[in-house]
Structures are given as structure tokens and as C-alpha cells.
């Protein structure tokens, strides 16, 4: 799945990168045209600029720019530099960053060594020094050098310099204006090509640059694939296919799509959420060992242990399947492991066939409903897929309204949709729905025959009209009324209407037969991840709640049996920070966290918090003990106490005697009790 995802992203950006490379190659050839034409000379003063509209999914831009940089270095020029606005607050830092990155882009080893010497000696960065460096590097880069010393993009004697501004909206206006003006004056000796990374709209170029500066740019727009189309393609290649057996339930898929649509529009985050779902499924579901290819799953079934067989018997879908069987087969499924494994193989085969038919009919239904007015079943196939996962789609009002609209389609529209559906069924290598493709082909032939019959009827009606006699107005009105009354009473369908009704009923029968929810299939828990609450807790985490849970109940995350405790109790093995947090919950007004942090700031001084020493009588506050490495005694803080409880004082003295002898004295000493001894004594008390 990971390799398929990476390949998919490369294919989605392939067309965009190819058009960009073609533009850069044409721009490079324009630098070397020796023409006396006034228009060409004016154009040579303009900086070729590609405005790359990437959309608001900023988190995906880094991956796109990395792939673009690699493609440009392999096909256009080795000198490709990317800059961000945070690194270029002014013109000085802009040029320094440009020079430092540009000198690292070298064609061969000799220029690389020279660039290192130049960077070590450089004290001032300017366009003049940059131009002289570029001339020296390109003159020494002989195209007759061996191929081992040259990259594929260094085939030109003077390759251009491509500067990518990743986040154009964040750059300072003055920095952009000054750089463009200076670069245009050195364009004949420093061939520069700009690529603007734009997240919002091309209008931002004219907002940042006045006309006097923007006229120095030869701008061409390039639009990347929209985020929603990208998401649809990812779902189509990863989930709406039988290539990968792992599937998502309706709630899980809804969580991932909602995060994508309402938070960040990030395909990378969506894929990470999909990977997290896959990891959680294989971690939490013991039977996920069967979530693999059908041939491998059949092999693994033979090695299922007794516990795994019992887990299969406990699955809700399998229990429903057993209840539908005869009594003898029920006993065999519940007692005979060999018979159970044979039944599991059969059920997994049926589940594979179910997915194959499911996705074919789903695509066919999407072809019919994606062009309907107001899109009752959604415009994207993911919307239709979520609806089919949730319930029986034929029971919804949206499906009924979609069928009504289908019964009103014109013949040309209906034939176009049928041709697309025929391609969907024909492209499948499976033969489960082979008769469906033949049936659709028959419908297309019948629609085509209607055209021939319509032409014949027109010809015959034309001949009959020639033999008609003249009539008066009275007889004409009478005949028209009779025809109107006849149509009202009979309402006989035409051949096209009857054929259209057959097509709609045929599609409806396919939907009712093959688009059943996954919950109706036995062993669907093996393939489908349905723990939506777990995924939501990971992706839409509330930091405040997570911190409270971790500090108040460390067992929730650490899974250590020794940390289990009743509510209101503090286990002896709990981490110190959890003890401090529980003390804070009990009497937050008596704790000054700032003082605690100041005490523990030093390298040698550490802060240790003891367990509360409680009195059996109610109303006794918590005793907080601060230990400082510069002192050998304990400072007991009794805030807001009118009188010290004798039992608390007695316990405190016992703790202090264990370290310092019979009486504590506030005298500085170099010897300090070990933290482990201190905590152990405090916990025991």
C-alpha cells in the first residue's frame, strides 16, 4: 500500500511537472536567441516566472517541492534553489541564503571544491559577485567532460538558475521588489527563472508587486490538481479496489474525510490517518492475520490455533451465520475445527467475490447519479460509498428521488451513461458480472434500433400527409379533442419510455443484489476497521483531557498492573509527577507550582514530592515536603493551618530522623541524601 501511494502521488504530479519542465526549457532557449527584433529584446529583459497554484493544503507543499526540485535537476538544470519567507526577512539575508544554497548545487567535483573555497572567502553577497561566480562555474563546465562527472541536466553549457519561492504570500513586498529589479538588470549574465509557490490566488502577485515591477516578469500560470480530486483518486486506488483487502467502516471513513475537508485539506495527513487505521486494526484485532490476499489467507487458515478458532466463533457476524444454518451444521461449526476451517475458506472466498461485485456496481451507480440535478446521492464517489456503507441505500429518500430523475433522462444522456457502465464492467478481469456487460450491450443495441425505426416512421408519416384531404375548422377541433381524451385515458408508453424503464429497473436490481452493507457479510470484522472512537482519540486528540488521564491514571497508557488503584488512592509505584498532580487536585490552593519549578531549576538541586501524610480525622490538609540539595533538612510548609497536627509533626520528624539524626537542623552540608532513599522513605511513611 505504501509503494502504491508513492507511485500514485508521482502520477498525479506528473502532468504538472511535465508542463513546468517544458516551460523552463522554452525559457532557457529564449536566453540564447540572437535576434535584433525589438520585441524579442524586450522579452529577454523579462524574468521567466511560473506561478504554481498549489492550494491551501500547505502541509503537502513540501513534498511537492521536493519532487519538483528532483525533476528539474534531472531534466533542466542542476542549479535549483528553494527559499522560504522565514529565512529572508530582508535583502541581505535573501542574497546570503541564495548564495549559500546555490553554491551547493554543483555540476562536477571541481566546481564543488571551488564553491567551497568561495563560500569560505565570501564576506559580502551581491548580484555582481553571484554573476561572476556563475560565469566562472559555467565556463569551466565543459560539455565534453565525461558523463561520470556530469548530471543529466548539465548537458547545456550555461544552464539557467531556477529559484523557487515556496510561500510567496509570506514574503516581504520590499524584498521581492528589490530582488526582481536587481535580477532583471543582470539577466543577460545571470539567467534566472522564478517559480512562485502560491496557496491562495494569482491575484496575490499583483497585490505584492506594483505594475512597474510585475512588468519585469513573464508570468505563466500552472494549476495543480485540486485537493478533492486528489482525495477521490487516493480513495479510488487504495480503498475502492480488491487489490488491498483492508477496508474502512463508514464511521472511520467519515472521520478521515471530515478532518480532510474541514481542517487541513492535506492528502499526507489523510494517508497517515489511513496508515494509523491499518496499524490499529492489525494491533487490536487478533484475526487480522487473515486480512491478506485470498491465496495467502487460505494458507494461513490451516495454521489457525485453537484460540483463534474460538475468536472466530465469537465474532458477531459468524454467530449470525451459524444461527441461519441447520442444527447439524451448527454443531459441526461449534465443535469440529477441521469443518470450521473449511467453512472459513468458503466465507473468505464469498467475501472476496462480494467486494469484486460491490465495487463494480458502485462505479456503475455513480455513473448514473453523478450527473443528476442537485446530486441526490452525491457528486463524488466517496459520498456514494459512505452512504452504501452505512445502510441499505435503496431505503433512503435520496435513492428514490434519484430513480425518479433517471426515469426522465433523454435518450442521448442515457446511452452515454450506458456506454460508460459497459466500459466499467468490460475493464474488470473478474467474470462474476459478465452477463451484466452483455445485458448493457443489448440495451445499447435496442436504443440504436429506435433511431432507425423513428426514421422509418417519419418517412411513412410524410407519405400519408400527402394523401390527406382538406378539412374545416369544426372537424379539426373535434379530432383534436378526441385525441386529447384518448391520451388522458390510455397514457400508453412509447417504446423509448418502456426501454428506459427497463434500464432503470435493471440498475435497481443490481443495487439491491450487490450493494449490501458490509455488516451483512460473515467475517467482515477480519477486513474492516471499525474502531472509530480510537481513531478519533488519536487524530482529534484533546491535549487537556489526555494530560489529565495520563497524570491521574498512568495505567491507561503504561499498562502496568502495579499502577492499578482505586479512585482516590495513590499507588506506591506511581511516577512522582502523577503523585504531585493528585496532590494538586486535592488542595490546589496550597501549592505554588512556580516555587516548585524554581527549586528544581539547578543542575544539582532537584525537587522531590512525598506522599501525603494524612491524619485519620477529617479536614486535615496535605503535608508538602520540599527537598533542596543545598539543605540537609526538610522544610515542611503548613499553609493556612491555625495549629500543627501532632500526628503530622510526629511523622515528619520520623522521616527527618531517618536522614539527619534525632533532630533536624537548618545547617548547610555537602552530603545529600540520595533521591531513591528519600522517595522510598517518603512512600513508606
Foldseek 3Di string as FASTA:
>chain_A
DVVLVVVLVCVQCVVLLVVVLVQQVVLVVLLPDDDPDPVSVLVLLAAEEEEEAEAQLLVCLVVVVVVSLVSCCQAAHLAEEEDEQVQDQDQQSVQVRSLVSRQCRAFFDVSVVVSVVCVVPDDGGDVVVVLVNLVVRLVPPDLPDDPVGGHNNPNDSRTAHEYEYAEVLNHQLVNVQVVQVRCSVCCSRHPYHYYYRYHPDPVSVCVSDPPVRCSSHDYDYGYRDALVVSVLVVCVSPELDLQFLAHAFLLQVVVLVCCCPPPRSHPVVSVVLVVVLVVCLVVPPVLLVLRDDLVVNLVVLVVDDPVNLVVLCPDPLVVVVLVPDDPVVSVCCVPPSVSVSVVVSVLVVVVSVLSVLQSLLLVLVLLQQLPFPPRLQDNGSVSVVSCLQPAQNCPDPSVVVSLVRLLVDDLVSVLVSLVVSLCSVVPDPDCPCVVVSVVSVVLNVVSVVVVVVVVVVVVVVVVVVVPDDDDDPVVVVVVVVVVVVVCVPPVDDDPVSVSSVVVSVVSVVSSVVRSHHLSNRRPSSNRYRHPSVVSCCVPVPDVVVVVCCCLQQVCVPPVDPQSDDDPPDGGLPDDQSSQVVSLCVVPVPQDDVVVQCVLDPDPPWHWGWFHFDDDPDPPDHGWTWTDTQQWAAIDIDDPPDPDDDPVVVVLRQVLSCVRPNNDGDGDTDNDHDDPVVSHVSRSVD
